[in-house]
């Protein structure tokens, strides 16, 4: 799945990574939901 993530704190331009990640399979007692939209806090950009 296509995703954006970060592994360390810092300015978004320096730490955000865009790429492919494996689809997470839910564990027993968990559910997977489909995300249609997401927002970004202006302070994060």
Protein backbone atom coordinates (compact mmCIF):
# COMPACT_ATOMS: atom_id res chain seq x y z
CA UNK A 1 0.00 0.00 0.00
CA UNK A 2 1.14 3.54 -0.60
CA UNK A 3 1.98 5.41 2.61
CA UNK A 4 3.79 8.35 4.15
CA UNK A 5 5.70 7.78 7.39
CA UNK A 6 8.52 9.11 9.52
CA UNK A 7 11.01 7.47 11.86
CA UNK A 8 12.50 10.50 13.58
CA UNK A 9 11.24 13.95 14.59
CA UNK A 10 12.10 16.98 12.50
CA UNK A 11 10.82 19.27 9.76
CA UNK A 12 8.36 17.46 7.49
CA UNK A 13 10.43 18.23 4.40
CA UNK A 14 13.37 16.38 5.94
CA UNK A 15 11.73 13.41 7.67
CA UNK A 16 8.57 12.37 5.78
CA UNK A 17 9.05 9.40 3.48
CA UNK A 18 6.66 8.37 0.67
CA UNK A 19 6.67 4.81 -0.57
CA UNK A 20 5.17 1.34 -0.49
CA UNK A 21 4.53 -0.46 2.79
CA UNK A 22 3.16 -3.97 3.36
CA UNK A 23 -0.57 -4.17 4.01
CA UNK A 24 -1.04 -4.68 7.74
CA UNK A 25 -3.12 -7.74 8.61
CA UNK A 26 -5.32 -7.35 11.70
CA UNK A 27 -4.57 -9.54 14.70
CA UNK A 28 -7.35 -11.40 16.51
CA UNK A 29 -9.71 -8.87 18.09
CA UNK A 30 -8.61 -6.08 15.70
CA UNK A 31 -10.17 -4.71 12.51
CA UNK A 32 -8.75 -3.02 9.42
CA UNK A 33 -10.49 0.14 8.22
CA UNK A 34 -10.29 1.82 4.83
CA UNK A 35 -9.09 5.42 4.98
CA UNK A 36 -10.64 7.66 2.35
CA UNK A 37 -9.04 10.96 3.35
CA UNK A 38 -6.50 12.28 5.79
CA UNK A 39 -5.52 15.75 6.87
CA UNK A 40 -2.16 17.21 7.81
CA UNK A 41 -1.75 19.84 10.48
CA UNK A 42 -0.20 22.96 8.89
CA UNK A 43 2.42 22.96 11.64
CA UNK A 44 3.57 19.54 10.41
CA UNK A 45 4.39 20.86 6.95
